[in-house]
Amino acid sequence: MKPAQDCQSMAELRAQIDLLDRKLVSLLALRAGYIDRAAELKPAENLPARIDHRVAAVLDNVRASARDQGLDPDLATDLWRTLIEWSIAREERVLGPSPGKEESRK
């Protein structure tokens, strides 16, 4: 990838953004594989799909990482909340609803 400041035209910049988007999608697909594996491993440890303290820890880690890298922490947190909710729903298709699911969303 070429640094943004080295792009000399919008076409060149857009090509780099498109390349980055493909890499991001690839990483998200890889993450989804880990979510699928979690759904396989959690029953042996008697764990539900939603583990509130883990959700909070992931969001805290993402927020700190975003801040360290100069990305708006609110944007990163919002994106990850969506990603986490999607991941939990994916696990719940295998594991069933998490206990207290309705209470945890209030």
Protein backbone atom coordinates (compact mmCIF):
# COMPACT_ATOMS: atom_id res chain seq x y z
CA MET A 1 0.00 0.00 0.00
CA LYS A 2 1.09 3.49 -0.78
CA PRO A 3 0.86 6.19 1.93
CA ALA A 4 -2.04 8.58 1.33
CA GLN A 5 0.31 11.55 1.02
CA ASP A 6 2.07 9.83 -1.91
CA CYS A 7 -1.13 9.59 -3.98
CA GLN A 8 -1.06 12.16 -6.76
CA SER A 9 -4.64 11.91 -8.04
CA MET A 10 -8.10 10.97 -6.84
CA ALA A 11 -8.00 7.88 -9.07
CA GLU A 12 -4.81 6.73 -7.39
CA LEU A 13 -6.21 7.52 -3.94
CA ARG A 14 -9.46 5.65 -4.68
CA ALA A 15 -7.49 2.62 -5.89
CA GLN A 16 -5.65 2.55 -2.56
CA ILE A 17 -8.91 2.89 -0.62
CA ASP A 18 -10.41 0.02 -2.64
CA LEU A 19 -7.35 -2.12 -1.86
CA LEU A 20 -7.63 -1.27 1.81
CA ASP A 21 -11.35 -2.10 1.78
CA ARG A 22 -10.59 -5.54 0.34
CA LYS A 23 -8.01 -6.11 3.09
CA LEU A 24 -10.49 -5.00 5.77
CA VAL A 25 -13.15 -7.38 4.43
CA SER A 26 -10.57 -10.18 4.41
CA LEU A 27 -9.73 -9.46 8.06
CA LEU A 28 -13.41 -9.37 8.99
CA ALA A 29 -13.94 -12.72 7.27
CA LEU A 30 -11.00 -14.11 9.24
CA ARG A 31 -12.54 -12.74 12.46
CA ALA A 32 -15.84 -14.43 11.58
CA GLY A 33 -13.98 -17.75 11.46
CA TYR A 34 -12.84 -17.16 15.03
CA ILE A 35 -16.42 -16.39 16.02
CA ASP A 36 -17.54 -19.68 14.48
CA ARG A 37 -14.84 -21.50 16.44
CA ALA A 38 -15.95 -19.75 19.65
CA ALA A 39 -19.46 -21.12 19.06
CA GLU A 40 -17.92 -24.61 18.87
CA LEU A 41 -15.79 -24.17 22.02
CA LYS A 42 -18.19 -22.33 24.33
CA PRO A 43 -20.50 -25.30 25.09
CA ALA A 44 -17.62 -27.29 26.61
CA GLU A 45 -16.95 -24.36 28.96
CA ASN A 46 -20.66 -23.75 29.57
CA LEU A 47 -20.40 -20.22 28.16
CA PRO A 48 -23.21 -18.27 26.49
CA ALA A 49 -22.81 -16.28 23.29
CA ARG A 50 -23.08 -12.97 25.16
CA ILE A 51 -20.59 -12.40 27.95
CA ASP A 52 -21.10 -8.82 29.06
CA HIS A 53 -17.71 -8.34 30.75
CA ARG A 54 -15.98 -9.61 27.57
CA VAL A 55 -18.01 -7.21 25.42
CA ALA A 56 -16.97 -4.34 27.70
CA ALA A 57 -13.30 -5.41 27.58
CA VAL A 58 -13.30 -5.62 23.77
CA LEU A 59 -14.87 -2.16 23.49
CA ASP A 60 -12.35 -0.73 25.97
CA ASN A 61 -9.46 -2.29 24.02
CA VAL A 62 -10.79 -0.96 20.71
CA ARG A 63 -11.32 2.50 22.15
CA ALA A 64 -7.75 2.62 23.51
CA SER A 65 -6.30 1.26 20.27
CA ALA A 66 -8.22 3.82 18.21
CA ARG A 67 -7.03 6.64 20.45
CA ASP A 68 -3.41 5.41 20.20
CA GLN A 69 -3.62 5.30 16.41
CA GLY A 70 -5.30 8.66 15.92
CA LEU A 71 -8.71 7.28 14.98
CA ASP A 72 -11.87 8.75 16.50
CA PRO A 73 -12.56 6.42 19.47
CA ASP A 74 -16.33 7.00 19.15
CA LEU A 75 -16.26 5.82 15.54
CA ALA A 76 -14.25 2.72 16.42
CA THR A 77 -16.53 1.91 19.35
CA ASP A 78 -19.66 2.31 17.23
CA LEU A 79 -18.24 0.08 14.49
CA TRP A 80 -17.20 -2.58 17.00
CA ARG A 81 -20.57 -2.52 18.77
CA THR A 82 -22.15 -3.44 15.45
CA LEU A 83 -19.50 -6.10 14.83
CA ILE A 84 -19.95 -7.55 18.33
CA GLU A 85 -23.74 -7.69 18.08
CA TRP A 86 -23.44 -9.42 14.70
CA SER A 87 -20.93 -11.87 16.22
CA ILE A 88 -23.16 -12.65 19.19
CA ALA A 89 -26.14 -13.22 16.90
CA ARG A 90 -23.99 -15.55 14.78
CA GLU A 91 -23.01 -17.55 17.88
CA GLU A 92 -26.60 -17.62 19.14
CA ARG A 93 -27.70 -19.34 15.93
CA VAL A 94 -25.57 -22.28 17.14
CA LEU A 95 -25.81 -21.92 20.94
CA GLY A 96 -29.30 -20.51 21.35
CA PRO A 97 -30.16 -17.21 23.02
CA SER A 98 -27.94 -16.03 25.85
CA PRO A 99 -29.54 -16.15 29.31
CA GLY A 100 -30.90 -12.75 30.30
CA LYS A 101 -30.56 -11.52 26.72
CA GLU A 102 -33.40 -9.02 27.00
CA GLU A 103 -32.10 -7.61 30.30
CA SER A 104 -28.57 -7.19 28.90
CA ARG A 105 -29.81 -4.98 26.07
CA LYS A 106 -31.78 -2.58 28.29
